[in-house]
Amino acid sequence: MFTFDLKTMNNNKSNTSKPSYRYAVISISIVLYFLGIYLMLYLQSSKIDKMIKEQVSIVVELNERSVKSDIAIIEDAIKQHDGVIRGSISYHDKESASDIMGGDILKSFRPGESPFRDMVTFRLKAEFYTNDNLSSIDQALMKEPMVHDIFFESESDVGIHDFVYKLSLLFLLLSVIFVALALIIIHNTLSLSLYADRWEIKTMELVGARKSFIRKPYVAHGRIIGQRAFFVAALALMITILILYMSVGLVSSIFYWPYLMLTLVILFVLSTLITMISTFTVVNKFLEQKLSELHG
C-alpha cells in the first residue's frame, strides 16, 4: 500500500508540469474572473441605489417677501424631519438658483432676469427617500406661510427602485448563467486534464488499491488547481478594480471594499469546491469504466 502512495504522489507531482493542467488553471481563472465581475456589480447595485437617492435635492421655494428670519424658520422646520442629511441644508438666493434648477432655463429669459425665487435645498438619506415620507414632508412644509412651493422627484419619477431591481435581476441571472458555465467548463477542463491518467487510475484499481485511496491525491490536486486559478483570478480582479477606482470618479464614490472581500471569499469557496467535486466525479467515472471503454 505504501508503494502505491509513493507512485501516486510522484505521478501527481509530474502532472503539475503537464500543459493540460496549466490550461486548466488558466481556463478556470478566466471563468472565475468574469464571475467575480458580475458578483461585484450585483453587490454594488445597492450602493448605486443609495448614492442616487442621496444626491437628489428637494427644493423649497420661498415667497418674495421672505426675510432672513423666515429662512431660519424653514431650515429649523426641515431639520425636524427624520432622514434629512444635516449638512445638505443650504440657502440660495434667486441669482444663484439657476445652478440648482438648471442654467438652460435662463436662455429663454432676458440677461439678468431670473425666473426663480429664493430657495432652500436639502437631501434625504436613502432609506427615507420614499413616496410616503416625501408626501409627509411636502404637506408639513407647505403649511409654512413663507413657503411658495416645493419641488422634488418622487421615487418612481427618479426610477431608482425599478432600475436597481431590474439591474439586480439581470446581474443575478448572469451570475447563475456564469456559475452554470463555470461548472461545465471546469468539469470538462478537468476531464481533459485527467484523461491522460485514466490508465494509471484503472491500473491501480486492478492491482487492488481502494477507490478512496486512488481518488484522494487526485482530489487534493484538483483543490490545488482550483486555488491556483482563484489566486490568478483574484489578482486580475483586484487590478481591474484598482484601475477603475483610480481613473473613474463614480467608482470611487460608490465602491464598498467589504463587498470585494465577500466576492473573493465566494470565489475561493466556489473554486475549491467545484474543482474537488469535479475531480472526484471524473476519477470516479474512469474507475467505473471497463478496460475496453478506456480506449474511447
C-alpha atoms as a PDB file:
ATOM      1  CA  MET A   1       0.000   0.000   0.000  1.00  0.00           C
ATOM      2  CA  PHE A   2       2.879   2.356   0.759  1.00  0.00           C
ATOM      3  CA  THR A   3       4.266   1.679  -2.739  1.00  0.00           C
ATOM      4  CA  PHE A   4       1.011   2.896  -4.283  1.00  0.00           C
ATOM      5  CA  ASP A   5       1.146   6.063  -2.234  1.00  0.00           C
ATOM      6  CA  LEU A   6       4.642   6.947  -3.467  1.00  0.00           C
ATOM      7  CA  LYS A   7       3.771   6.113  -7.014  1.00  0.00           C
ATOM      8  CA  THR A   8       0.582   8.131  -6.897  1.00  0.00           C
ATOM      9  CA  MET A   9       2.185  11.144  -5.282  1.00  0.00           C
ATOM     10  CA  ASN A  10       5.139  11.116  -7.692  1.00  0.00           C
ATOM     11  CA  ASN A  11       2.759  10.778 -10.580  1.00  0.00           C
ATOM     12  CA  ASN A  12       0.682  13.579  -9.135  1.00  0.00           C
ATOM     13  CA  LYS A  13       3.704  15.876  -8.944  1.00  0.00           C
ATOM     14  CA  SER A  14       4.689  15.132 -12.506  1.00  0.00           C
ATOM     15  CA  ASN A  15       1.171  16.015 -13.600  1.00  0.00           C
ATOM     16  CA  THR A  16       1.580  19.567 -12.345  1.00  0.00           C
ATOM     17  CA  SER A  17       4.026  20.242 -15.159  1.00  0.00           C
ATOM     18  CA  LYS A  18       1.703  18.999 -17.870  1.00  0.00           C
ATOM     19  CA  PRO A  19       0.387  21.668 -20.245  1.00  0.00           C
ATOM     20  CA  SER A  20      -3.141  20.318 -19.681  1.00  0.00           C
ATOM     21  CA  TYR A  21      -3.022  21.307 -16.014  1.00  0.00           C
ATOM     22  CA  ARG A  22      -1.689  24.769 -16.831  1.00  0.00           C
ATOM     23  CA  TYR A  23      -4.521  25.077 -19.321  1.00  0.00           C
ATOM     24  CA  ALA A  24      -6.940  24.024 -16.582  1.00  0.00           C
ATOM     25  CA  VAL A  25      -5.656  26.760 -14.250  1.00  0.00           C
ATOM     26  CA  ILE A  26      -5.889  29.425 -16.969  1.00  0.00           C
ATOM     27  CA  SER A  27      -9.370  28.349 -18.133  1.00  0.00           C
ATOM     28  CA  ILE A  28     -10.794  28.184 -14.627  1.00  0.00           C
ATOM     29  CA  SER A  29      -9.255  31.534 -13.642  1.00  0.00           C
ATOM     30  CA  ILE A  30     -10.890  33.244 -16.659  1.00  0.00           C
ATOM     31  CA  VAL A  31     -14.289  31.876 -15.656  1.00  0.00           C
ATOM     32  CA  LEU A  32     -13.745  32.943 -12.033  1.00  0.00           C
ATOM     33  CA  TYR A  33     -12.646  36.420 -13.126  1.00  0.00           C
ATOM     34  CA  PHE A  34     -15.824  37.133 -15.086  1.00  0.00           C
ATOM     35  CA  LEU A  35     -17.940  35.585 -12.359  1.00  0.00           C
ATOM     36  CA  GLY A  36     -16.219  37.906  -9.885  1.00  0.00           C
ATOM     37  CA  ILE A  37     -17.001  40.943 -12.064  1.00  0.00           C
ATOM     38  CA  TYR A  38     -20.697  40.086 -12.120  1.00  0.00           C
ATOM     39  CA  LEU A  39     -20.746  39.376  -8.387  1.00  0.00           C
ATOM     40  CA  MET A  40     -19.185  42.789  -7.699  1.00  0.00           C
ATOM     41  CA  LEU A  41     -21.708  44.568  -9.934  1.00  0.00           C
ATOM     42  CA  TYR A  42     -24.592  42.733  -8.285  1.00  0.00           C
ATOM     43  CA  LEU A  43     -23.418  43.502  -4.755  1.00  0.00           C
ATOM     44  CA  GLN A  44     -22.682  47.155  -5.588  1.00  0.00           C
ATOM     45  CA  SER A  45     -26.186  47.752  -7.017  1.00  0.00           C
ATOM     46  CA  SER A  46     -27.494  48.666  -3.544  1.00  0.00           C
ATOM     47  CA  LYS A  47     -24.732  51.271  -3.203  1.00  0.00           C
ATOM     48  CA  ILE A  48     -25.733  52.742  -6.571  1.00  0.00           C
ATOM     49  CA  ASP A  49     -29.333  52.980  -5.340  1.00  0.00           C
ATOM     50  CA  LYS A  50     -28.243  54.736  -2.163  1.00  0.00           C
ATOM     51  CA  MET A  51     -25.883  57.130  -3.956  1.00  0.00           C
ATOM     52  CA  ILE A  52     -28.528  58.255  -6.481  1.00  0.00           C
ATOM     53  CA  LYS A  53     -31.192  58.830  -3.831  1.00  0.00           C
ATOM     54  CA  GLU A  54     -28.890  60.841  -1.590  1.00  0.00           C
ATOM     55  CA  GLN A  55     -27.839  63.100  -4.483  1.00  0.00           C
ATOM     56  CA  VAL A  56     -31.411  64.175  -5.345  1.00  0.00           C
ATOM     57  CA  SER A  57     -32.132  67.650  -3.907  1.00  0.00           C
ATOM     58  CA  ILE A  58     -35.535  68.712  -2.593  1.00  0.00           C
ATOM     59  CA  VAL A  59     -36.180  72.379  -3.371  1.00  0.00           C
ATOM     60  CA  VAL A  60     -38.270  74.605  -1.101  1.00  0.00           C
ATOM     61  CA  GLU A  61     -39.122  77.801  -2.985  1.00  0.00           C
ATOM     62  CA  LEU A  62     -39.767  80.836  -0.743  1.00  0.00           C
ATOM     63  CA  ASN A  63     -42.147  83.764  -1.122  1.00  0.00           C
ATOM     64  CA  GLU A  64     -40.814  87.049  -2.463  1.00  0.00           C
ATOM     65  CA  ARG A  65     -41.291  88.748   0.875  1.00  0.00           C
ATOM     66  CA  SER A  66     -39.229  86.251   2.854  1.00  0.00           C
ATOM     67  CA  VAL A  67     -36.533  87.596   5.158  1.00  0.00           C
ATOM     68  CA  LYS A  68     -33.562  86.012   6.933  1.00  0.00           C
ATOM     69  CA  SER A  69     -35.661  85.080   9.951  1.00  0.00           C
ATOM     70  CA  ASP A  70     -38.047  83.191   7.636  1.00  0.00           C
ATOM     71  CA  ILE A  71     -35.142  81.280   6.168  1.00  0.00           C
ATOM     72  CA  ALA A  72     -34.019  80.237   9.652  1.00  0.00           C
ATOM     73  CA  ILE A  73     -37.547  79.068  10.470  1.00  0.00           C
ATOM     74  CA  ILE A  74     -37.699  76.956   7.301  1.00  0.00           C
ATOM     75  CA  GLU A  75     -34.290  75.417   7.968  1.00  0.00           C
ATOM     76  CA  ASP A  76     -35.385  74.522  11.519  1.00  0.00           C
ATOM     77  CA  ALA A  77     -38.612  73.014  10.168  1.00  0.00           C
ATOM     78  CA  ILE A  78     -36.650  70.896   7.708  1.00  0.00           C
ATOM     79  CA  LYS A  79     -34.348  69.643  10.462  1.00  0.00           C
ATOM     80  CA  GLN A  80     -37.380  68.292  12.360  1.00  0.00           C
ATOM     81  CA  HIS A  81     -37.946  65.602   9.730  1.00  0.00           C
ATOM     82  CA  ASP A  82     -36.300  62.202  10.019  1.00  0.00           C
ATOM     83  CA  GLY A  83     -33.704  61.281   7.441  1.00  0.00           C
ATOM     84  CA  VAL A  84     -32.591  64.792   6.491  1.00  0.00           C
ATOM     85  CA  ILE A  85     -28.870  64.896   5.765  1.00  0.00           C
ATOM     86  CA  ARG A  86     -27.863  67.721   8.086  1.00  0.00           C
ATOM     87  CA  GLY A  87     -25.023  69.121   6.045  1.00  0.00           C
ATOM     88  CA  SER A  88     -27.196  69.222   2.932  1.00  0.00           C
ATOM     89  CA  ILE A  89     -29.465  72.098   4.011  1.00  0.00           C
ATOM     90  CA  SER A  90     -28.464  75.272   2.179  1.00  0.00           C
ATOM     91  CA  TYR A  91     -29.957  78.612   1.169  1.00  0.00           C
ATOM     92  CA  HIS A  92     -29.752  80.024  -2.384  1.00  0.00           C
ATOM     93  CA  ASP A  93     -30.866  83.458  -3.498  1.00  0.00           C
ATOM     94  CA  LYS A  94     -32.616  83.899  -6.844  1.00  0.00           C
ATOM     95  CA  GLU A  95     -29.391  84.831  -8.617  1.00  0.00           C
ATOM     96  CA  SER A  96     -27.665  81.584  -7.703  1.00  0.00           C
ATOM     97  CA  ALA A  97     -30.818  79.447  -8.018  1.00  0.00           C
ATOM     98  CA  SER A  98     -30.078  78.736 -11.678  1.00  0.00           C
ATOM     99  CA  ASP A  99     -27.192  76.499 -10.567  1.00  0.00           C
ATOM    100  CA  ILE A 100     -29.730  74.338  -8.744  1.00  0.00           C
ATOM    101  CA  MET A 101     -32.633  74.375 -11.184  1.00  0.00           C
ATOM    102  CA  GLY A 102     -30.575  74.297 -14.365  1.00  0.00           C
ATOM    103  CA  GLY A 103     -28.948  77.123 -16.278  1.00  0.00           C
ATOM    104  CA  ASP A 104     -30.580  76.152 -19.592  1.00  0.00           C
ATOM    105  CA  ILE A 105     -33.906  77.532 -18.372  1.00  0.00           C
ATOM    106  CA  LEU A 106     -32.441  81.055 -18.306  1.00  0.00           C
ATOM    107  CA  LYS A 107     -31.787  81.045 -22.056  1.00  0.00           C
ATOM    108  CA  SER A 108     -35.414  81.929 -22.741  1.00  0.00           C
ATOM    109  CA  PHE A 109     -35.217  84.980 -20.424  1.00  0.00           C
ATOM    110  CA  ARG A 110     -33.515  88.319 -20.785  1.00  0.00           C
ATOM    111  CA  PRO A 111     -29.964  88.684 -19.408  1.00  0.00           C
ATOM    112  CA  GLY A 112     -30.083  89.471 -15.710  1.00  0.00           C
ATOM    113  CA  GLU A 113     -33.647  88.193 -15.399  1.00  0.00           C
ATOM    114  CA  SER A 114     -34.268  85.172 -13.189  1.00  0.00           C
ATOM    115  CA  PRO A 115     -37.488  83.146 -13.169  1.00  0.00           C
ATOM    116  CA  PHE A 116     -36.565  81.702  -9.797  1.00  0.00           C
ATOM    117  CA  ARG A 117     -37.208  82.742  -6.211  1.00  0.00           C
ATOM    118  CA  ASP A 118     -35.011  82.396  -3.159  1.00  0.00           C
ATOM    119  CA  MET A 119     -34.894  78.763  -2.138  1.00  0.00           C
ATOM    120  CA  VAL A 120     -33.693  76.292   0.445  1.00  0.00           C
ATOM    121  CA  THR A 121     -32.493  72.878  -0.689  1.00  0.00           C
ATOM    122  CA  PHE A 122     -31.841  69.702   1.254  1.00  0.00           C
ATOM    123  CA  ARG A 123     -31.316  65.982   0.696  1.00  0.00           C
ATOM    124  CA  LEU A 124     -32.541  62.814   2.408  1.00  0.00           C
ATOM    125  CA  LYS A 125     -30.840  59.627   3.474  1.00  0.00           C
ATOM    126  CA  ALA A 126     -31.567  56.813   1.031  1.00  0.00           C
ATOM    127  CA  GLU A 127     -33.784  54.802   3.368  1.00  0.00           C
ATOM    128  CA  PHE A 128     -36.020  57.855   3.931  1.00  0.00           C
ATOM    129  CA  TYR A 129     -36.368  58.718   0.248  1.00  0.00           C
ATOM    130  CA  THR A 130     -39.800  57.105  -0.119  1.00  0.00           C
ATOM    131  CA  ASN A 131     -43.020  58.419  -1.617  1.00  0.00           C
ATOM    132  CA  ASP A 132     -44.774  58.361   1.776  1.00  0.00           C
ATOM    133  CA  ASN A 133     -42.013  60.320   3.513  1.00  0.00           C
ATOM    134  CA  LEU A 134     -41.753  62.808   0.629  1.00  0.00           C
ATOM    135  CA  SER A 135     -45.502  63.394   0.775  1.00  0.00           C
ATOM    136  CA  SER A 136     -45.345  63.902   4.554  1.00  0.00           C
ATOM    137  CA  ILE A 137     -42.524  66.459   4.213  1.00  0.00           C
ATOM    138  CA  ASP A 138     -44.382  68.240   1.413  1.00  0.00           C
ATOM    139  CA  GLN A 139     -47.585  68.572   3.465  1.00  0.00           C
ATOM    140  CA  ALA A 140     -45.722  69.772   6.572  1.00  0.00           C
ATOM    141  CA  LEU A 141     -43.613  72.414   4.829  1.00  0.00           C
ATOM    142  CA  MET A 142     -46.432  73.759   2.658  1.00  0.00           C
ATOM    143  CA  LYS A 143     -48.186  74.812   5.871  1.00  0.00           C
ATOM    144  CA  GLU A 144     -45.426  77.331   6.494  1.00  0.00           C
ATOM    145  CA  PRO A 145     -46.618  80.804   5.287  1.00  0.00           C
ATOM    146  CA  MET A 146     -43.260  81.734   3.768  1.00  0.00           C
ATOM    147  CA  VAL A 147     -43.159  78.637   1.508  1.00  0.00           C
ATOM    148  CA  HIS A 148     -44.282  79.252  -2.066  1.00  0.00           C
ATOM    149  CA  ASP A 149     -43.804  75.748  -3.484  1.00  0.00           C
ATOM    150  CA  ILE A 150     -41.832  72.540  -3.098  1.00  0.00           C
ATOM    151  CA  PHE A 151     -40.160  70.631  -5.909  1.00  0.00           C
ATOM    152  CA  PHE A 152     -38.969  67.050  -5.658  1.00  0.00           C
ATOM    153  CA  GLU A 153     -38.828  63.913  -7.727  1.00  0.00           C
ATOM    154  CA  SER A 154     -40.855  61.025  -6.412  1.00  0.00           C
ATOM    155  CA  GLU A 155     -39.216  57.670  -6.010  1.00  0.00           C
ATOM    156  CA  SER A 156     -40.974  56.404  -9.131  1.00  0.00           C
ATOM    157  CA  ASP A 157     -40.054  59.541 -11.137  1.00  0.00           C
ATOM    158  CA  VAL A 158     -36.391  59.078 -10.358  1.00  0.00           C
ATOM    159  CA  GLY A 159     -36.830  55.472 -11.467  1.00  0.00           C
ATOM    160  CA  ILE A 160     -34.349  54.262  -8.898  1.00  0.00           C
ATOM    161  CA  HIS A 161     -36.311  51.359  -7.479  1.00  0.00           C
ATOM    162  CA  ASP A 162     -37.323  49.820 -10.785  1.00  0.00           C
ATOM    163  CA  PHE A 163     -33.908  50.426 -12.314  1.00  0.00           C
ATOM    164  CA  VAL A 164     -32.000  48.843  -9.429  1.00  0.00           C
ATOM    165  CA  TYR A 165     -34.491  45.991  -9.157  1.00  0.00           C
ATOM    166  CA  LYS A 166     -34.162  45.159 -12.857  1.00  0.00           C
ATOM    167  CA  LEU A 167     -30.401  45.625 -12.731  1.00  0.00           C
ATOM    168  CA  SER A 168     -30.179  43.287  -9.734  1.00  0.00           C
ATOM    169  CA  LEU A 169     -32.277  40.670 -11.509  1.00  0.00           C
ATOM    170  CA  LEU A 170     -30.067  40.955 -14.578  1.00  0.00           C
ATOM    171  CA  PHE A 171     -26.907  40.516 -12.520  1.00  0.00           C
ATOM    172  CA  LEU A 172     -28.457  37.613 -10.640  1.00  0.00           C
ATOM    173  CA  LEU A 173     -29.435  35.919 -13.902  1.00  0.00           C
ATOM    174  CA  LEU A 174     -25.978  36.480 -15.350  1.00  0.00           C
ATOM    175  CA  SER A 175     -24.395  35.154 -12.151  1.00  0.00           C
ATOM    176  CA  VAL A 176     -26.484  31.974 -12.348  1.00  0.00           C
ATOM    177  CA  ILE A 177     -25.518  31.561 -16.003  1.00  0.00           C
ATOM    178  CA  PHE A 178     -21.847  32.084 -15.185  1.00  0.00           C
ATOM    179  CA  VAL A 179     -21.955  29.627 -12.288  1.00  0.00           C
ATOM    180  CA  ALA A 180     -23.531  27.053 -14.624  1.00  0.00           C
ATOM    181  CA  LEU A 181     -20.887  27.782 -17.273  1.00  0.00           C
ATOM    182  CA  ALA A 182     -18.186  27.575 -14.618  1.00  0.00           C
ATOM    183  CA  LEU A 183     -19.395  24.143 -13.569  1.00  0.00           C
ATOM    184  CA  ILE A 184     -19.481  22.892 -17.163  1.00  0.00           C
ATOM    185  CA  ILE A 185     -16.147  24.408 -18.223  1.00  0.00           C
ATOM    186  CA  ILE A 186     -14.299  23.394 -15.065  1.00  0.00           C
ATOM    187  CA  HIS A 187     -15.680  19.850 -15.240  1.00  0.00           C
ATOM    188  CA  ASN A 188     -14.774  19.461 -18.910  1.00  0.00           C
ATOM    189  CA  THR A 189     -11.337  21.011 -18.378  1.00  0.00           C
ATOM    190  CA  LEU A 190     -10.527  18.625 -15.538  1.00  0.00           C
ATOM    191  CA  SER A 191     -11.868  15.710 -17.582  1.00  0.00           C
ATOM    192  CA  LEU A 192      -9.399  16.547 -20.360  1.00  0.00           C
ATOM    193  CA  SER A 193      -6.589  17.036 -17.851  1.00  0.00           C
ATOM    194  CA  LEU A 194      -7.199  13.666 -16.199  1.00  0.00           C
ATOM    195  CA  TYR A 195      -7.831  11.812 -19.468  1.00  0.00           C
ATOM    196  CA  ALA A 196      -4.140  11.013 -19.845  1.00  0.00           C
ATOM    197  CA  ASP A 197      -4.132   9.423 -16.374  1.00  0.00           C
ATOM    198  CA  ARG A 198      -7.083   7.106 -16.995  1.00  0.00           C
ATOM    199  CA  TRP A 199      -4.820   4.060 -17.442  1.00  0.00           C
ATOM    200  CA  GLU A 200      -2.874   4.719 -14.245  1.00  0.00           C
ATOM    201  CA  ILE A 201      -6.170   5.157 -12.367  1.00  0.00           C
ATOM    202  CA  LYS A 202      -7.559   1.902 -13.724  1.00  0.00           C
ATOM    203  CA  THR A 203      -4.288   0.020 -13.199  1.00  0.00           C
ATOM    204  CA  MET A 204      -4.172   0.943  -9.503  1.00  0.00           C
ATOM    205  CA  GLU A 205      -7.723  -0.335  -9.122  1.00  0.00           C
ATOM    206  CA  LEU A 206      -6.911  -3.612 -10.890  1.00  0.00           C
ATOM    207  CA  VAL A 207      -3.940  -4.332  -8.593  1.00  0.00           C
ATOM    208  CA  GLY A 208      -6.133  -3.907  -5.517  1.00  0.00           C
ATOM    209  CA  ALA A 209      -5.975  -0.252  -4.472  1.00  0.00           C
ATOM    210  CA  ARG A 210      -9.117   1.060  -2.824  1.00  0.00           C
ATOM    211  CA  LYS A 211     -11.128   3.641  -4.760  1.00  0.00           C
ATOM    212  CA  SER A 212     -10.876   6.149  -1.918  1.00  0.00           C
ATOM    213  CA  PHE A 213      -7.092   5.699  -1.925  1.00  0.00           C
ATOM    214  CA  ILE A 214      -6.917   6.307  -5.685  1.00  0.00           C
ATOM    215  CA  ARG A 215      -9.202   9.329  -5.594  1.00  0.00           C
ATOM    216  CA  LYS A 216      -7.521  11.084  -2.666  1.00  0.00           C
ATOM    217  CA  PRO A 217      -4.363  12.502  -4.381  1.00  0.00           C
ATOM    218  CA  TYR A 218      -6.318  13.496  -7.492  1.00  0.00           C
ATOM    219  CA  VAL A 219      -8.972  15.306  -5.457  1.00  0.00           C
ATOM    220  CA  ALA A 220      -6.226  17.034  -3.462  1.00  0.00           C
ATOM    221  CA  HIS A 221      -4.549  18.084  -6.687  1.00  0.00           C
ATOM    222  CA  GLY A 222      -7.899  19.289  -8.036  1.00  0.00           C
ATOM    223  CA  ARG A 223      -8.166  21.504  -4.967  1.00  0.00           C
ATOM    224  CA  ILE A 224      -4.694  22.920  -5.687  1.00  0.00           C
ATOM    225  CA  ILE A 225      -5.701  23.662  -9.301  1.00  0.00           C
ATOM    226  CA  GLY A 226      -8.827  25.469  -8.077  1.00  0.00           C
ATOM    227  CA  GLN A 227      -6.898  27.535  -5.568  1.00  0.00           C
ATOM    228  CA  ARG A 228      -4.210  28.464  -8.103  1.00  0.00           C
ATOM    229  CA  ALA A 229      -6.943  29.536 -10.512  1.00  0.00           C
ATOM    230  CA  PHE A 230      -8.539  31.570  -7.715  1.00  0.00           C
ATOM    231  CA  PHE A 231      -5.316  33.469  -6.993  1.00  0.00           C
ATOM    232  CA  VAL A 232      -4.857  34.288 -10.686  1.00  0.00           C
ATOM    233  CA  ALA A 233      -8.493  35.454 -10.983  1.00  0.00           C
ATOM    234  CA  ALA A 234      -8.324  37.396  -7.700  1.00  0.00           C
ATOM    235  CA  LEU A 235      -5.170  39.219  -8.821  1.00  0.00           C
ATOM    236  CA  ALA A 236      -6.738  40.142 -12.175  1.00  0.00           C
ATOM    237  CA  LEU A 237      -9.958  41.255 -10.455  1.00  0.00           C
ATOM    238  CA  MET A 238      -8.154  43.475  -7.938  1.00  0.00           C
ATOM    239  CA  ILE A 239      -6.009  45.071 -10.661  1.00  0.00           C
ATOM    240  CA  THR A 240      -9.148  45.816 -12.712  1.00  0.00           C
ATOM    241  CA  ILE A 241     -10.936  47.362  -9.726  1.00  0.00           C
ATOM    242  CA  LEU A 242      -7.867  49.382  -8.726  1.00  0.00           C
ATOM    243  CA  ILE A 243      -7.575  50.844 -12.241  1.00  0.00           C
ATOM    244  CA  LEU A 244     -11.279  51.749 -12.298  1.00  0.00           C
ATOM    245  CA  TYR A 245     -11.117  53.136  -8.755  1.00  0.00           C
ATOM    246  CA  MET A 246      -8.234  55.456  -9.625  1.00  0.00           C
ATOM    247  CA  SER A 247      -9.461  56.556 -13.060  1.00  0.00           C
ATOM    248  CA  VAL A 248     -13.266  56.737 -12.735  1.00  0.00           C
ATOM    249  CA  GLY A 249     -14.588  59.117 -10.073  1.00  0.00           C
ATOM    250  CA  LEU A 250     -18.008  57.447  -9.901  1.00  0.00           C
ATOM    251  CA  VAL A 251     -16.438  54.115  -8.948  1.00  0.00           C
ATOM    252  CA  SER A 252     -14.538  55.628  -6.025  1.00  0.00           C
ATOM    253  CA  SER A 253     -17.729  57.236  -4.679  1.00  0.00           C
ATOM    254  CA  ILE A 254     -19.863  54.080  -4.671  1.00  0.00           C
ATOM    255  CA  PHE A 255     -17.306  51.309  -4.216  1.00  0.00           C
ATOM    256  CA  TYR A 256     -17.644  49.354  -0.976  1.00  0.00           C
ATOM    257  CA  TRP A 257     -14.465  47.416  -0.155  1.00  0.00           C
ATOM    258  CA  PRO A 258     -16.103  44.773   2.096  1.00  0.00           C
ATOM    259  CA  TYR A 259     -18.055  43.619  -0.992  1.00  0.00           C
ATOM    260  CA  LEU A 260     -14.722  42.885  -2.688  1.00  0.00           C
ATOM    261  CA  MET A 261     -13.710  40.755   0.286  1.00  0.00           C
ATOM    262  CA  LEU A 262     -17.057  38.939   0.149  1.00  0.00           C
ATOM    263  CA  THR A 263     -16.624  38.346  -3.595  1.00  0.00           C
ATOM    264  CA  LEU A 264     -13.148  36.906  -3.082  1.00  0.00           C
ATOM    265  CA  VAL A 265     -14.401  34.597  -0.331  1.00  0.00           C
ATOM    266  CA  ILE A 266     -17.234  33.351  -2.581  1.00  0.00           C
ATOM    267  CA  LEU A 267     -14.828  32.781  -5.478  1.00  0.00           C
ATOM    268  CA  PHE A 268     -12.380  30.924  -3.229  1.00  0.00           C
ATOM    269  CA  VAL A 269     -15.078  28.613  -1.892  1.00  0.00           C
ATOM    270  CA  LEU A 270     -16.530  28.007  -5.358  1.00  0.00           C
ATOM    271  CA  SER A 271     -13.158  27.353  -6.992  1.00  0.00           C
ATOM    272  CA  THR A 272     -12.158  24.912  -4.257  1.00  0.00           C
ATOM    273  CA  LEU A 273     -15.433  23.008  -4.028  1.00  0.00           C
ATOM    274  CA  ILE A 274     -16.133  22.864  -7.777  1.00  0.00           C
ATOM    275  CA  THR A 275     -12.672  21.564  -8.692  1.00  0.00           C
ATOM    276  CA  MET A 276     -12.679  18.984  -5.884  1.00  0.00           C
ATOM    277  CA  ILE A 277     -16.159  17.720  -6.735  1.00  0.00           C
ATOM    278  CA  SER A 278     -15.429  17.705 -10.475  1.00  0.00           C
ATOM    279  CA  THR A 279     -12.144  15.829  -9.947  1.00  0.00           C
ATOM    280  CA  PHE A 280     -13.899  13.313  -7.710  1.00  0.00           C
ATOM    281  CA  THR A 281     -16.572  12.786 -10.382  1.00  0.00           C
ATOM    282  CA  VAL A 282     -14.072  12.419 -13.248  1.00  0.00           C
ATOM    283  CA  VAL A 283     -11.847   9.936 -11.387  1.00  0.00           C
ATOM    284  CA  ASN A 284     -14.937   8.002 -10.346  1.00  0.00           C
ATOM    285  CA  LYS A 285     -16.049   7.827 -13.979  1.00  0.00           C
ATOM    286  CA  PHE A 286     -12.726   6.279 -15.021  1.00  0.00           C
ATOM    287  CA  LEU A 287     -12.881   3.822 -12.135  1.00  0.00           C
ATOM    288  CA  GLU A 288     -16.353   2.660 -13.154  1.00  0.00           C
ATOM    289  CA  GLN A 289     -15.427   2.200 -16.812  1.00  0.00           C
ATOM    290  CA  LYS A 290     -14.373  -1.124 -18.228  1.00  0.00           C
ATOM    291  CA  LEU A 291     -10.934  -1.549 -19.786  1.00  0.00           C
ATOM    292  CA  SER A 292     -12.454  -1.678 -23.261  1.00  0.00           C
ATOM    293  CA  GLU A 293     -14.188   1.675 -22.645  1.00  0.00           C
ATOM    294  CA  LEU A 294     -10.938   3.450 -21.738  1.00  0.00           C
ATOM    295  CA  HIS A 295      -9.813   3.342 -25.366  1.00  0.00           C
ATOM    296  CA  GLY A 296     -12.647   5.741 -26.327  1.00  0.00           C
END
